[in-house]
Amino acid sequence: MMWNMKKFIQNNIWQILGGIFGGIGGYFYWRDIGCATGTCPITSKPLNSIVYFAVLGYFMIGTISQWRTLKEEQKDL
């Protein structure tokens, strides 16, 4: 069980960091910009904003890292 978690973290370190930084960015977005009326589904509560931006950061960095890996593999051919 522990080996699988360690291997997952090693294989997905950039995505995990993207999620962490996305969540931090989501908090600051909620704090500084937020939603004045409280009716915005994403930015009305800090937890919603943090989770949304964390998932966004995870997938964005994951896409970029996969693209770079594919580009490096093509270069080696």
C-alpha atoms as a PDB file:
ATOM      1  CA  MET A   1       0.000   0.000   0.000  1.00  0.00           C
ATOM      2  CA  MET A   2       2.725   2.457   0.947  1.00  0.00           C
ATOM      3  CA  TRP A   3       4.784   1.534  -2.127  1.00  0.00           C
ATOM      4  CA  ASN A   4       1.856   2.371  -4.413  1.00  0.00           C
ATOM      5  CA  MET A   5       1.415   5.780  -2.779  1.00  0.00           C
ATOM      6  CA  LYS A   6       5.133   6.537  -3.027  1.00  0.00           C
ATOM      7  CA  LYS A   7       5.198   5.481  -6.678  1.00  0.00           C
ATOM      8  CA  PHE A   8       2.100   7.605  -7.400  1.00  0.00           C
ATOM      9  CA  ILE A   9       3.710  10.668  -5.835  1.00  0.00           C
ATOM     10  CA  GLN A  10       6.968  10.107  -7.734  1.00  0.00           C
ATOM     11  CA  ASN A  11       5.153   9.710 -11.042  1.00  0.00           C
ATOM     12  CA  ASN A  12       2.810  12.680 -10.529  1.00  0.00           C
ATOM     13  CA  ILE A  13       4.894  15.193  -8.577  1.00  0.00           C
ATOM     14  CA  TRP A  14       4.350  18.018 -11.076  1.00  0.00           C
ATOM     15  CA  GLN A  15       0.592  17.477 -11.153  1.00  0.00           C
ATOM     16  CA  ILE A  16       0.441  17.424  -7.354  1.00  0.00           C
ATOM     17  CA  LEU A  17       2.435  20.650  -7.145  1.00  0.00           C
ATOM     18  CA  GLY A  18       0.143  22.168  -9.787  1.00  0.00           C
ATOM     19  CA  GLY A  19      -2.842  21.258  -7.615  1.00  0.00           C
ATOM     20  CA  ILE A  20      -1.271  22.744  -4.510  1.00  0.00           C
ATOM     21  CA  PHE A  21      -0.332  25.996  -6.212  1.00  0.00           C
ATOM     22  CA  GLY A  22      -3.722  26.096  -7.934  1.00  0.00           C
ATOM     23  CA  GLY A  23      -5.439  25.780  -4.560  1.00  0.00           C
ATOM     24  CA  ILE A  24      -3.308  28.569  -3.110  1.00  0.00           C
ATOM     25  CA  GLY A  25      -4.125  30.699  -6.144  1.00  0.00           C
ATOM     26  CA  GLY A  26      -7.819  29.882  -5.691  1.00  0.00           C
ATOM     27  CA  TYR A  27      -7.730  31.109  -2.119  1.00  0.00           C
ATOM     28  CA  PHE A  28      -6.110  34.371  -3.122  1.00  0.00           C
ATOM     29  CA  TYR A  29      -8.573  34.750  -5.992  1.00  0.00           C
ATOM     30  CA  TRP A  30     -11.462  34.311  -3.532  1.00  0.00           C
ATOM     31  CA  ARG A  31      -9.878  36.708  -1.026  1.00  0.00           C
ATOM     32  CA  ASP A  32      -8.916  39.480  -3.447  1.00  0.00           C
ATOM     33  CA  ILE A  33     -11.522  39.235  -6.226  1.00  0.00           C
ATOM     34  CA  GLY A  34     -14.205  36.900  -4.942  1.00  0.00           C
ATOM     35  CA  CYS A  35     -17.903  37.499  -5.434  1.00  0.00           C
ATOM     36  CA  ALA A  36     -19.530  40.617  -4.029  1.00  0.00           C
ATOM     37  CA  THR A  37     -23.098  39.293  -4.140  1.00  0.00           C
ATOM     38  CA  GLY A  38     -22.440  35.774  -2.846  1.00  0.00           C
ATOM     39  CA  THR A  39     -24.317  34.163  -5.732  1.00  0.00           C
ATOM     40  CA  CYS A  40     -21.281  33.010  -7.733  1.00  0.00           C
ATOM     41  CA  PRO A  41     -21.033  29.206  -7.436  1.00  0.00           C
ATOM     42  CA  ILE A  42     -17.239  29.010  -7.616  1.00  0.00           C
ATOM     43  CA  THR A  43     -16.029  32.110  -5.821  1.00  0.00           C
ATOM     44  CA  SER A  44     -18.741  32.660  -3.208  1.00  0.00           C
ATOM     45  CA  LYS A  45     -17.045  30.335  -0.678  1.00  0.00           C
ATOM     46  CA  PRO A  46     -13.313  29.835  -0.164  1.00  0.00           C
ATOM     47  CA  LEU A  47     -13.516  26.029  -0.241  1.00  0.00           C
ATOM     48  CA  ASN A  48     -15.268  26.036  -3.635  1.00  0.00           C
ATOM     49  CA  SER A  49     -12.658  28.371  -5.066  1.00  0.00           C
ATOM     50  CA  ILE A  50      -9.730  26.400  -3.627  1.00  0.00           C
ATOM     51  CA  VAL A  51     -10.995  23.040  -4.909  1.00  0.00           C
ATOM     52  CA  TYR A  52     -11.881  24.418  -8.357  1.00  0.00           C
ATOM     53  CA  PHE A  53      -8.494  26.057  -8.895  1.00  0.00           C
ATOM     54  CA  ALA A  54      -6.628  23.059  -7.413  1.00  0.00           C
ATOM     55  CA  VAL A  55      -8.289  20.708  -9.909  1.00  0.00           C
ATOM     56  CA  LEU A  56      -7.643  23.205 -12.691  1.00  0.00           C
ATOM     57  CA  GLY A  57      -3.959  23.462 -11.721  1.00  0.00           C
ATOM     58  CA  TYR A  58      -3.623  19.682 -11.464  1.00  0.00           C
ATOM     59  CA  PHE A  59      -4.993  19.110 -14.953  1.00  0.00           C
ATOM     60  CA  MET A  60      -3.171  22.031 -16.574  1.00  0.00           C
ATOM     61  CA  ILE A  61       0.231  20.991 -15.251  1.00  0.00           C
ATOM     62  CA  GLY A  62      -0.554  17.354 -16.034  1.00  0.00           C
ATOM     63  CA  THR A  63      -1.306  18.243 -19.643  1.00  0.00           C
ATOM     64  CA  ILE A  64       1.846  20.322 -19.971  1.00  0.00           C
ATOM     65  CA  SER A  65       4.058  17.629 -18.427  1.00  0.00           C
ATOM     66  CA  GLN A  66       2.585  14.934 -20.692  1.00  0.00           C
ATOM     67  CA  TRP A  67       3.086  17.166 -23.717  1.00  0.00           C
ATOM     68  CA  ARG A  68       6.725  17.775 -22.765  1.00  0.00           C
ATOM     69  CA  THR A  69       7.293  14.053 -22.225  1.00  0.00           C
ATOM     70  CA  LEU A  70       5.866  13.223 -25.638  1.00  0.00           C
ATOM     71  CA  LYS A  71       7.949  15.939 -27.245  1.00  0.00           C
ATOM     72  CA  GLU A  72      11.141  14.599 -25.620  1.00  0.00           C
ATOM     73  CA  GLU A  73      10.298  11.038 -26.713  1.00  0.00           C
ATOM     74  CA  GLN A  74       9.817  12.224 -30.307  1.00  0.00           C
ATOM     75  CA  LYS A  75      13.118  14.089 -30.177  1.00  0.00           C
ATOM     76  CA  ASP A  76      14.934  10.898 -29.127  1.00  0.00           C
ATOM     77  CA  LEU A  77      13.609   9.000 -32.139  1.00  0.00           C
END
